[in-house]
Amino acid sequence: MHDASRSSRRAATPGPAAVVRTLYPLVSAEARAEAAAAATGAAVDPADLEQAVWLRLLERLADQGPPEDAARWVRDTVRGEARRARRTARHERPYLDETAPDPAGCPERAAVGADERRALRAAVDRLPGRCARLLSALLAPGDPTYREIAGELGMSQGSLGPIRSRCLGCLRRMLAAEVVAPELRGKER
């Protein structure tokens, strides 16, 4: 009798494929809705969310069987996985790019960068007329827009681009003349 009740219980319990077929639309809809609701904070990909919920469901099916209230279980699991994904995203940091300047700052890099900025400012100040004013405005720390620069310099916004190109060409020529050509090595002919 004990074996008969166990076999009847197994027959009444749907298999994993039937549970997945039944819950697929619900899991998909809940994952999309939760990802859309989280769009203001850390981004959560609905496909990643769905995959995490399916994994939790398969784990549950192996351990405990299907949930009693499947809709509630799906909703709670989707929300829990979304919280976990947002928490993880907040704590993730990108790998450091070795070619980028170190924000914490290597003292040598900081000194070289400061020297380069001073040399650039000095070169810009030596430019003729409105080139010095225009490039100084473009290098301003507030990162002004073309509209703001045009208003400050009393120029039309459309003329800034061509004038900027001419001024940068002048700056390039001036800096190239200041750079010392490397000495020849080896035999001279």
N, C-alpha and C. Protein backbone atom coordinates (compact mmCIF):
# COMPACT_ATOMS: atom_id res chain seq x y z
N MET A 1 0.82 -1.18 0.00
CA MET A 1 0.00 0.00 0.00
C MET A 1 0.87 1.25 0.00
N HIS A 2 1.96 1.19 0.72
CA HIS A 2 2.87 2.32 0.78
C HIS A 2 3.43 2.61 -0.60
N ASP A 3 3.80 1.57 -1.35
CA ASP A 3 4.32 1.74 -2.71
C ASP A 3 3.24 2.25 -3.64
N ALA A 4 2.02 1.89 -3.46
CA ALA A 4 0.92 2.34 -4.32
C ALA A 4 0.67 3.82 -4.15
N SER A 5 0.72 4.32 -2.92
CA SER A 5 0.49 5.75 -2.71
C SER A 5 1.64 6.57 -3.30
N ARG A 6 2.86 6.03 -3.23
CA ARG A 6 4.01 6.72 -3.79
C ARG A 6 3.90 6.79 -5.31
N SER A 7 3.50 5.73 -5.96
CA SER A 7 3.37 5.71 -7.41
C SER A 7 2.21 6.59 -7.86
N SER A 8 1.13 6.68 -7.10
CA SER A 8 0.02 7.55 -7.49
C SER A 8 0.41 9.02 -7.31
N ARG A 9 1.24 9.30 -6.31
CA ARG A 9 1.71 10.66 -6.10
C ARG A 9 2.63 11.07 -7.25
N ARG A 10 3.48 10.15 -7.72
CA ARG A 10 4.36 10.44 -8.85
C ARG A 10 3.55 10.69 -10.11
N ALA A 11 2.50 9.94 -10.30
CA ALA A 11 1.66 10.11 -11.49
C ALA A 11 0.96 11.46 -11.46
N ALA A 12 0.60 11.96 -10.28
CA ALA A 12 -0.10 13.23 -10.15
C ALA A 12 0.85 14.41 -10.29
N THR A 13 2.13 14.21 -9.98
CA THR A 13 3.11 15.29 -10.08
C THR A 13 3.56 15.41 -11.53
N PRO A 14 3.42 16.62 -12.10
CA PRO A 14 3.86 16.81 -13.48
C PRO A 14 5.38 16.75 -13.58
N GLY A 15 5.86 16.31 -14.71
CA GLY A 15 7.30 16.23 -14.94
C GLY A 15 7.89 17.60 -15.19
N PRO A 16 9.22 17.70 -15.20
CA PRO A 16 9.87 19.00 -15.40
C PRO A 16 9.47 19.65 -16.72
N ALA A 17 9.33 18.88 -17.78
CA ALA A 17 8.97 19.46 -19.08
C ALA A 17 7.57 20.08 -19.03
N ALA A 18 6.64 19.42 -18.35
CA ALA A 18 5.28 19.97 -18.24
C ALA A 18 5.27 21.24 -17.41
N VAL A 19 6.07 21.27 -16.33
CA VAL A 19 6.15 22.47 -15.49
C VAL A 19 6.74 23.63 -16.29
N VAL A 20 7.79 23.36 -17.05
CA VAL A 20 8.42 24.40 -17.87
C VAL A 20 7.44 24.93 -18.91
N ARG A 21 6.72 24.04 -19.59
CA ARG A 21 5.74 24.48 -20.59
C ARG A 21 4.66 25.35 -19.95
N THR A 22 4.23 24.97 -18.78
CA THR A 22 3.17 25.72 -18.10
C THR A 22 3.67 27.09 -17.63
N LEU A 23 4.88 27.15 -17.10
CA LEU A 23 5.38 28.38 -16.50
C LEU A 23 6.12 29.30 -17.46
N TYR A 24 6.43 28.82 -18.66
CA TYR A 24 7.23 29.62 -19.59
C TYR A 24 6.67 31.02 -19.82
N PRO A 25 5.38 31.17 -20.18
CA PRO A 25 4.87 32.53 -20.43
C PRO A 25 4.93 33.41 -19.18
N LEU A 26 4.67 32.83 -18.03
CA LEU A 26 4.68 33.58 -16.78
C LEU A 26 6.09 34.05 -16.42
N VAL A 27 7.06 33.16 -16.53
CA VAL A 27 8.45 33.52 -16.22
C VAL A 27 8.93 34.61 -17.18
N SER A 28 8.64 34.45 -18.44
CA SER A 28 9.07 35.42 -19.45
C SER A 28 8.45 36.79 -19.18
N ALA A 29 7.16 36.84 -18.91
CA ALA A 29 6.47 38.10 -18.65
C ALA A 29 6.99 38.76 -17.37
N GLU A 30 7.16 37.99 -16.31
CA GLU A 30 7.65 38.54 -15.04
C GLU A 30 9.07 39.08 -15.19
N ALA A 31 9.92 38.37 -15.92
CA ALA A 31 11.30 38.81 -16.11
C ALA A 31 11.34 40.12 -16.90
N ARG A 32 10.54 40.22 -17.97
CA ARG A 32 10.50 41.46 -18.75
C ARG A 32 9.97 42.61 -17.90
N ALA A 33 8.93 42.36 -17.13
CA ALA A 33 8.34 43.42 -16.29
C ALA A 33 9.33 43.88 -15.22
N GLU A 34 10.02 42.96 -14.60
CA GLU A 34 10.97 43.33 -13.54
C GLU A 34 12.16 44.07 -14.14
N ALA A 35 12.63 43.66 -15.31
CA ALA A 35 13.75 44.35 -15.96
C ALA A 35 13.34 45.76 -16.36
N ALA A 36 12.12 45.93 -16.83
CA ALA A 36 11.63 47.27 -17.20
C ALA A 36 11.49 48.15 -15.97
N ALA A 37 11.04 47.58 -14.87
CA ALA A 37 10.88 48.35 -13.64
C ALA A 37 12.24 48.76 -13.08
N ALA A 38 13.26 47.98 -13.34
CA ALA A 38 14.60 48.26 -12.83
C ALA A 38 15.40 49.13 -13.77
N ALA A 39 14.79 49.62 -14.86
CA ALA A 39 15.52 50.40 -15.86
C ALA A 39 16.10 51.68 -15.28
N THR A 40 15.49 52.19 -14.21
CA THR A 40 16.01 53.43 -13.63
C THR A 40 17.29 53.20 -12.85
N GLY A 41 17.47 52.03 -12.29
CA GLY A 41 18.68 51.73 -11.50
C GLY A 41 19.67 50.97 -12.34
N ALA A 42 20.31 50.00 -11.72
CA ALA A 42 21.26 49.16 -12.44
C ALA A 42 20.49 48.29 -13.43
N ALA A 43 20.98 48.22 -14.64
CA ALA A 43 20.28 47.49 -15.69
C ALA A 43 20.28 45.99 -15.41
N VAL A 44 19.13 45.38 -15.63
CA VAL A 44 18.98 43.94 -15.48
C VAL A 44 18.48 43.42 -16.82
N ASP A 45 19.20 42.48 -17.40
CA ASP A 45 18.80 41.92 -18.68
C ASP A 45 17.70 40.89 -18.45
N PRO A 46 16.54 41.02 -19.13
CA PRO A 46 15.46 40.07 -18.91
C PRO A 46 15.85 38.62 -19.23
N ALA A 47 16.68 38.42 -20.23
CA ALA A 47 17.10 37.06 -20.58
C ALA A 47 17.95 36.45 -19.46
N ASP A 48 18.83 37.24 -18.87
CA ASP A 48 19.64 36.75 -17.75
C ASP A 48 18.76 36.43 -16.55
N LEU A 49 17.78 37.28 -16.33
CA LEU A 49 16.84 37.08 -15.23
C LEU A 49 16.04 35.80 -15.43
N GLU A 50 15.56 35.61 -16.64
CA GLU A 50 14.81 34.40 -16.98
C GLU A 50 15.66 33.15 -16.75
N GLN A 51 16.89 33.20 -17.21
CA GLN A 51 17.78 32.05 -17.07
C GLN A 51 18.02 31.72 -15.60
N ALA A 52 18.20 32.75 -14.76
CA ALA A 52 18.41 32.50 -13.33
C ALA A 52 17.18 31.87 -12.69
N VAL A 53 15.98 32.30 -13.12
CA VAL A 53 14.75 31.73 -12.57
C VAL A 53 14.59 30.28 -12.99
N TRP A 54 14.91 29.97 -14.25
CA TRP A 54 14.82 28.58 -14.70
C TRP A 54 15.79 27.70 -13.92
N LEU A 55 16.96 28.21 -13.64
CA LEU A 55 17.92 27.45 -12.85
C LEU A 55 17.36 27.17 -11.45
N ARG A 56 16.79 28.20 -10.82
CA ARG A 56 16.19 28.02 -9.49
C ARG A 56 15.04 27.01 -9.54
N LEU A 57 14.26 27.05 -10.62
CA LEU A 57 13.13 26.12 -10.74
C LEU A 57 13.64 24.68 -10.88
N LEU A 58 14.66 24.49 -11.71
CA LEU A 58 15.20 23.13 -11.86
C LEU A 58 15.79 22.62 -10.55
N GLU A 59 16.46 23.49 -9.81
CA GLU A 59 16.98 23.09 -8.50
C GLU A 59 15.84 22.69 -7.58
N ARG A 60 14.77 23.47 -7.61
CA ARG A 60 13.63 23.18 -6.74
C ARG A 60 12.95 21.88 -7.15
N LEU A 61 12.80 21.67 -8.45
CA LEU A 61 12.17 20.44 -8.92
C LEU A 61 12.97 19.21 -8.48
N ALA A 62 14.28 19.32 -8.49
CA ALA A 62 15.12 18.19 -8.08
C ALA A 62 15.02 17.93 -6.59
N ASP A 63 14.89 19.00 -5.79
CA ASP A 63 14.89 18.85 -4.33
C ASP A 63 13.49 18.65 -3.75
N GLN A 64 12.54 19.50 -4.15
CA GLN A 64 11.24 19.54 -3.47
C GLN A 64 10.05 19.26 -4.37
N GLY A 65 10.25 19.28 -5.66
CA GLY A 65 9.12 19.13 -6.58
C GLY A 65 8.59 20.50 -6.97
N PRO A 66 7.53 20.53 -7.75
CA PRO A 66 7.00 21.81 -8.21
C PRO A 66 6.41 22.62 -7.05
N PRO A 67 6.43 23.93 -7.16
CA PRO A 67 5.88 24.77 -6.10
C PRO A 67 4.36 24.64 -6.04
N GLU A 68 3.81 24.80 -4.85
CA GLU A 68 2.36 24.73 -4.66
C GLU A 68 1.67 25.85 -5.42
N ASP A 69 2.09 27.09 -5.13
CA ASP A 69 1.52 28.27 -5.80
C ASP A 69 2.56 28.75 -6.81
N ALA A 70 2.49 28.23 -8.02
CA ALA A 70 3.53 28.47 -9.03
C ALA A 70 3.64 29.96 -9.38
N ALA A 71 2.52 30.65 -9.52
CA ALA A 71 2.55 32.07 -9.90
C ALA A 71 3.26 32.89 -8.83
N ARG A 72 2.96 32.64 -7.59
CA ARG A 72 3.61 33.38 -6.50
C ARG A 72 5.10 33.04 -6.44
N TRP A 73 5.43 31.75 -6.61
CA TRP A 73 6.83 31.34 -6.57
C TRP A 73 7.61 32.04 -7.67
N VAL A 74 7.04 32.08 -8.89
CA VAL A 74 7.72 32.73 -10.02
C VAL A 74 7.92 34.20 -9.71
N ARG A 75 6.88 34.88 -9.26
CA ARG A 75 6.98 36.32 -8.97
C ARG A 75 8.05 36.59 -7.90
N ASP A 76 8.02 35.83 -6.82
CA ASP A 76 8.99 36.03 -5.75
C ASP A 76 10.41 35.71 -6.20
N THR A 77 10.57 34.66 -6.98
CA THR A 77 11.89 34.27 -7.46
C THR A 77 12.44 35.29 -8.44
N VAL A 78 11.61 35.79 -9.35
CA VAL A 78 12.06 36.81 -10.31
C VAL A 78 12.51 38.06 -9.56
N ARG A 79 11.73 38.49 -8.59
CA ARG A 79 12.11 39.68 -7.82
C ARG A 79 13.40 39.45 -7.04
N GLY A 80 13.53 38.28 -6.45
CA GLY A 80 14.76 37.98 -5.71
C GLY A 80 15.98 37.95 -6.60
N GLU A 81 15.85 37.33 -7.77
CA GLU A 81 16.97 37.28 -8.72
C GLU A 81 17.30 38.67 -9.25
N ALA A 82 16.28 39.51 -9.46
CA ALA A 82 16.53 40.88 -9.93
C ALA A 82 17.28 41.66 -8.85
N ARG A 83 16.89 41.51 -7.60
CA ARG A 83 17.62 42.18 -6.51
C ARG A 83 19.07 41.72 -6.47
N ARG A 84 19.26 40.42 -6.60
CA ARG A 84 20.62 39.88 -6.58
C ARG A 84 21.44 40.44 -7.75
N ALA A 85 20.84 40.50 -8.94
CA ALA A 85 21.55 41.01 -10.11
C ALA A 85 21.90 42.49 -9.95
N ARG A 86 20.98 43.29 -9.41
CA ARG A 86 21.26 44.71 -9.20
C ARG A 86 22.35 44.90 -8.15
N ARG A 87 22.30 44.12 -7.09
CA ARG A 87 23.31 44.22 -6.04
C ARG A 87 24.68 43.85 -6.61
N THR A 88 24.73 42.82 -7.41
CA THR A 88 25.99 42.40 -8.03
C THR A 88 26.50 43.49 -8.97
N ALA A 89 25.60 44.07 -9.76
CA ALA A 89 26.02 45.11 -10.72
C ALA A 89 26.56 46.34 -10.00
N ARG A 90 26.00 46.67 -8.85
CA ARG A 90 26.48 47.83 -8.10
C ARG A 90 27.90 47.62 -7.58
N HIS A 91 28.25 46.39 -7.28
CA HIS A 91 29.56 46.10 -6.71
C HIS A 91 30.60 45.73 -7.75
N GLU A 92 30.22 45.53 -8.99
CA GLU A 92 31.18 45.18 -10.03
C GLU A 92 31.98 46.40 -10.43
N ARG A 93 33.23 46.20 -10.71
CA ARG A 93 34.10 47.26 -11.19
C ARG A 93 34.78 46.76 -12.45
N PRO A 94 34.93 47.63 -13.46
CA PRO A 94 35.59 47.18 -14.69
C PRO A 94 37.08 46.93 -14.44
N TYR A 95 37.65 46.08 -15.29
CA TYR A 95 39.08 45.84 -15.20
C TYR A 95 39.81 47.13 -15.55
N LEU A 96 40.95 47.34 -14.93
CA LEU A 96 41.71 48.54 -15.22
C LEU A 96 42.39 48.40 -16.57
N ASP A 97 42.35 49.47 -17.32
CA ASP A 97 43.04 49.54 -18.60
C ASP A 97 44.45 50.04 -18.32
N GLU A 98 45.43 49.22 -18.61
CA GLU A 98 46.82 49.58 -18.30
C GLU A 98 47.29 50.78 -19.10
N THR A 99 46.67 51.05 -20.26
CA THR A 99 47.11 52.18 -21.07
C THR A 99 46.47 53.48 -20.61
N ALA A 100 45.38 53.41 -19.85
CA ALA A 100 44.71 54.61 -19.37
C ALA A 100 45.43 55.16 -18.14
N PRO A 101 45.36 56.48 -17.95
CA PRO A 101 46.00 57.02 -16.76
C PRO A 101 45.33 56.49 -15.50
N ASP A 102 46.13 56.22 -14.51
CA ASP A 102 45.65 55.66 -13.25
C ASP A 102 44.97 56.77 -12.44
N PRO A 103 43.65 56.63 -12.14
CA PRO A 103 42.98 57.69 -11.41
C PRO A 103 43.54 57.88 -10.00
N ALA A 104 43.96 56.79 -9.37
CA ALA A 104 44.56 56.91 -8.05
C ALA A 104 45.88 57.66 -8.18
N GLY A 105 46.47 57.51 -9.33
CA GLY A 105 47.60 58.32 -9.70
C GLY A 105 48.96 57.80 -9.30
N CYS A 106 49.69 57.54 -10.30
CA CYS A 106 51.11 57.28 -10.14
C CYS A 106 51.73 58.69 -10.13
N PRO A 107 52.55 59.03 -9.16
CA PRO A 107 53.09 60.39 -9.09
C PRO A 107 53.84 60.81 -10.36
N GLU A 108 54.55 59.87 -10.97
CA GLU A 108 55.29 60.22 -12.18
C GLU A 108 54.33 60.58 -13.32
N ARG A 109 53.28 59.76 -13.48
CA ARG A 109 52.30 60.04 -14.54
C ARG A 109 51.60 61.37 -14.30
N ALA A 110 51.26 61.63 -13.04
CA ALA A 110 50.59 62.89 -12.71
C ALA A 110 51.49 64.08 -13.03
N ALA A 111 52.78 63.96 -12.71
CA ALA A 111 53.72 65.05 -12.99
C ALA A 111 53.89 65.26 -14.49
N VAL A 112 54.02 64.16 -15.23
CA VAL A 112 54.18 64.26 -16.68
C VAL A 112 52.91 64.87 -17.31
N GLY A 113 51.75 64.40 -16.83
CA GLY A 113 50.49 64.94 -17.35
C GLY A 113 50.36 66.43 -17.06
N ALA A 114 50.74 66.85 -15.87
CA ALA A 114 50.68 68.28 -15.52
C ALA A 114 51.63 69.08 -16.39
N ASP A 115 52.84 68.54 -16.64
CA ASP A 115 53.79 69.23 -17.51
C ASP A 115 53.25 69.35 -18.92
N GLU A 116 52.64 68.28 -19.43
CA GLU A 116 52.08 68.32 -20.78
C GLU A 116 50.95 69.34 -20.87
N ARG A 117 50.10 69.40 -19.84
CA ARG A 117 49.00 70.39 -19.86
C ARG A 117 49.55 71.81 -19.81
N ARG A 118 50.58 72.05 -18.99
CA ARG A 118 51.20 73.38 -18.92
C ARG A 118 51.81 73.77 -20.26
N ALA A 119 52.50 72.82 -20.89
CA ALA A 119 53.12 73.10 -22.20
C ALA A 119 52.06 73.40 -23.25
N LEU A 120 50.97 72.66 -23.21
CA LEU A 120 49.88 72.91 -24.16
C LEU A 120 49.27 74.29 -23.93
N ARG A 121 49.00 74.63 -22.67
CA ARG A 121 48.44 75.96 -22.36
C ARG A 121 49.38 77.07 -22.82
N ALA A 122 50.69 76.89 -22.57
CA ALA A 122 51.66 77.91 -22.98
C ALA A 122 51.67 78.05 -24.51
N ALA A 123 51.60 76.93 -25.22
CA ALA A 123 51.58 76.98 -26.69
C ALA A 123 50.30 77.64 -27.18
N VAL A 124 49.18 77.34 -26.56
CA VAL A 124 47.90 77.95 -26.96
C VAL A 124 47.96 79.46 -26.73
N ASP A 125 48.57 79.88 -25.63
CA ASP A 125 48.67 81.32 -25.34
C ASP A 125 49.54 82.05 -26.36
N ARG A 126 50.46 81.36 -27.02
CA ARG A 126 51.33 81.98 -28.03
C ARG A 126 50.68 82.06 -29.41
N LEU A 127 49.52 81.44 -29.57
CA LEU A 127 48.84 81.47 -30.88
C LEU A 127 48.36 82.89 -31.17
N PRO A 128 48.22 83.21 -32.46
CA PRO A 128 47.77 84.56 -32.81
C PRO A 128 46.26 84.77 -32.58
N GLY A 129 45.89 85.99 -32.23
CA GLY A 129 44.52 86.49 -32.15
C GLY A 129 43.47 85.57 -31.58
N ARG A 130 42.46 85.34 -32.39
CA ARG A 130 41.31 84.60 -31.87
C ARG A 130 41.56 83.11 -31.71
N CYS A 131 42.65 82.59 -32.29
CA CYS A 131 42.97 81.17 -32.09
C CYS A 131 43.25 80.90 -30.62
N ALA A 132 44.01 81.79 -29.97
CA ALA A 132 44.32 81.60 -28.55
C ALA A 132 43.03 81.63 -27.73
N ARG A 133 42.14 82.58 -28.03
CA ARG A 133 40.89 82.69 -27.27
C ARG A 133 40.00 81.48 -27.51
N LEU A 134 39.91 81.02 -28.76
CA LEU A 134 39.04 79.90 -29.10
C LEU A 134 39.53 78.60 -28.45
N LEU A 135 40.82 78.29 -28.61
CA LEU A 135 41.33 77.04 -28.05
C LEU A 135 41.34 77.08 -26.51
N SER A 136 41.56 78.25 -25.93
CA SER A 136 41.46 78.36 -24.46
C SER A 136 40.03 78.07 -24.01
N ALA A 137 39.06 78.58 -24.77
CA ALA A 137 37.65 78.32 -24.43
C ALA A 137 37.33 76.84 -24.59
N LEU A 138 37.88 76.20 -25.62
CA LEU A 138 37.63 74.76 -25.82
C LEU A 138 38.28 73.91 -24.72
N LEU A 139 39.39 74.39 -24.16
CA LEU A 139 40.09 73.66 -23.11
C LEU A 139 39.57 73.99 -21.71
N ALA A 140 38.55 74.82 -21.62
CA ALA A 140 38.02 75.22 -20.31
C ALA A 140 37.58 74.00 -19.52
N PRO A 141 37.79 74.00 -18.19
CA PRO A 141 37.47 72.83 -17.38
C PRO A 141 35.98 72.49 -17.34
N GLY A 142 35.11 73.45 -17.58
CA GLY A 142 33.67 73.18 -17.52
C GLY A 142 33.15 72.46 -18.75
N ASP A 143 34.00 72.19 -19.75
CA ASP A 143 33.62 71.52 -20.99
C ASP A 143 32.41 72.21 -21.62
N PRO A 144 32.59 73.49 -22.03
CA PRO A 144 31.46 74.24 -22.59
C PRO A 144 31.02 73.71 -23.95
N THR A 145 29.78 73.98 -24.30
CA THR A 145 29.25 73.58 -25.60
C THR A 145 29.66 74.61 -26.65
N TYR A 146 29.50 74.27 -27.92
CA TYR A 146 29.80 75.21 -28.99
C TYR A 146 28.94 76.47 -28.86
N ARG A 147 27.71 76.31 -28.46
CA ARG A 147 26.81 77.45 -28.30
C ARG A 147 27.35 78.40 -27.23
N GLU A 148 27.81 77.86 -26.11
CA GLU A 148 28.35 78.69 -25.03
C GLU A 148 29.63 79.39 -25.47
N ILE A 149 30.49 78.68 -26.20
CA ILE A 149 31.75 79.27 -26.67
C ILE A 149 31.47 80.37 -27.67
N ALA A 150 30.53 80.12 -28.59
CA ALA A 150 30.19 81.12 -29.59
C ALA A 150 29.65 82.38 -28.91
N GLY A 151 28.82 82.22 -27.90
CA GLY A 151 28.29 83.38 -27.18
C GLY A 151 29.39 84.13 -26.46
N GLU A 152 30.32 83.41 -25.85
CA GLU A 152 31.41 84.04 -25.10
C GLU A 152 32.36 84.81 -26.02
N LEU A 153 32.62 84.26 -27.21
CA LEU A 153 33.56 84.89 -28.14
C LEU A 153 32.90 85.83 -29.14
N GLY A 154 31.58 85.87 -29.15
CA GLY A 154 30.87 86.73 -30.08
C GLY A 154 30.99 86.27 -31.53
N MET A 155 30.99 84.97 -31.74
CA MET A 155 31.09 84.39 -33.08
C MET A 155 29.82 83.60 -33.37
N SER A 156 29.62 83.28 -34.64
CA SER A 156 28.51 82.40 -34.97
C SER A 156 28.93 80.97 -34.64
N GLN A 157 27.96 80.17 -34.24
CA GLN A 157 28.25 78.79 -33.87
C GLN A 157 28.76 77.99 -35.06
N GLY A 158 28.27 78.29 -36.26
CA GLY A 158 28.68 77.56 -37.46
C GLY A 158 30.12 77.82 -37.86
N SER A 159 30.68 78.96 -37.45
CA SER A 159 32.07 79.26 -37.84
C SER A 159 33.09 78.65 -36.88
N LEU A 160 32.64 78.16 -35.73
CA LEU A 160 33.58 77.61 -34.75
C LEU A 160 34.36 76.41 -35.29
N GLY A 161 33.68 75.49 -35.96
CA GLY A 161 34.34 74.29 -36.47
C GLY A 161 35.47 74.59 -37.44
N PRO A 162 35.22 75.38 -38.49
CA PRO A 162 36.31 75.70 -39.43
C PRO A 162 37.44 76.50 -38.78
N ILE A 163 37.10 77.44 -37.91
CA ILE A 163 38.15 78.22 -37.25
C ILE A 163 38.96 77.30 -36.33
N ARG A 164 38.28 76.41 -35.61
CA ARG A 164 38.96 75.47 -34.73
C ARG A 164 39.95 74.62 -35.53
N SER A 165 39.54 74.15 -36.71
CA SER A 165 40.43 73.34 -37.55
C SER A 165 41.66 74.12 -37.96
N ARG A 166 41.47 75.38 -38.37
CA ARG A 166 42.63 76.20 -38.76
C ARG A 166 43.55 76.45 -37.57
N CYS A 167 42.96 76.72 -36.41
CA CYS A 167 43.76 76.99 -35.21
C CYS A 167 44.53 75.75 -34.77
N LEU A 168 43.92 74.58 -34.85
CA LEU A 168 44.61 73.34 -34.48
C LEU A 168 45.76 73.07 -35.45
N GLY A 169 45.56 73.37 -36.73
CA GLY A 169 46.65 73.23 -37.72
C GLY A 169 47.81 74.15 -37.39
N CYS A 170 47.49 75.37 -37.00
CA CYS A 170 48.52 76.34 -36.62
C CYS A 170 49.27 75.85 -35.38
N LEU A 171 48.53 75.33 -34.40
CA LEU A 171 49.14 74.81 -33.17
C LEU A 171 50.04 73.62 -33.49
N ARG A 172 49.60 72.73 -34.39
CA ARG A 172 50.41 71.58 -34.78
C ARG A 172 51.72 72.02 -35.42
N ARG A 173 51.64 72.97 -36.32
CA ARG A 173 52.86 73.45 -36.99
C ARG A 173 53.81 74.10 -35.99
N MET A 174 53.24 74.86 -35.06
CA MET A 174 54.07 75.53 -34.07
C MET A 174 54.77 74.51 -33.16
N LEU A 175 54.04 73.49 -32.72
CA LEU A 175 54.62 72.48 -31.84
C LEU A 175 55.63 71.61 -32.59
N ALA A 176 55.37 71.33 -33.86
CA ALA A 176 56.30 70.51 -34.65
C ALA A 176 57.63 71.23 -34.83
N ALA A 177 57.59 72.57 -34.95
CA ALA A 177 58.82 73.34 -35.10
C ALA A 177 59.63 73.33 -33.80
N GLU A 178 58.95 73.19 -32.67
CA GLU A 178 59.63 73.21 -31.38
C GLU A 178 60.25 71.86 -31.02
N VAL A 179 59.75 70.78 -31.61
CA VAL A 179 60.24 69.45 -31.29
C VAL A 179 61.57 69.25 -32.00
N VAL A 180 62.56 68.83 -31.25
CA VAL A 180 63.90 68.61 -31.81
C VAL A 180 63.92 67.29 -32.55
N ALA A 181 64.46 67.29 -33.75
CA ALA A 181 64.57 66.06 -34.53
C ALA A 181 65.58 65.15 -33.86
N PRO A 182 65.31 63.84 -33.83
CA PRO A 182 66.27 62.92 -33.19
C PRO A 182 67.58 62.89 -33.95
N GLU A 183 68.68 62.68 -33.21
CA GLU A 183 69.99 62.63 -33.83
C GLU A 183 70.11 61.36 -34.66
N LEU A 184 70.87 61.46 -35.73
CA LEU A 184 71.12 60.30 -36.57
C LEU A 184 72.06 59.36 -35.83
N ARG A 185 71.82 58.10 -35.95
CA ARG A 185 72.68 57.10 -35.31
C ARG A 185 73.38 56.30 -36.40
N GLY A 186 74.51 55.81 -36.05
CA GLY A 186 75.24 54.99 -37.01
C GLY A 186 76.06 55.84 -37.96
N LYS A 187 76.41 55.25 -39.10
CA LYS A 187 77.22 55.93 -40.10
C LYS A 187 76.43 56.97 -40.86
N GLU A 188 77.02 58.12 -41.03
CA GLU A 188 76.39 59.14 -41.86
C GLU A 188 76.95 59.03 -43.26
N ARG A 189 76.17 59.31 -44.26
CA ARG A 189 76.64 59.22 -45.64
C ARG A 189 76.65 60.55 -46.26
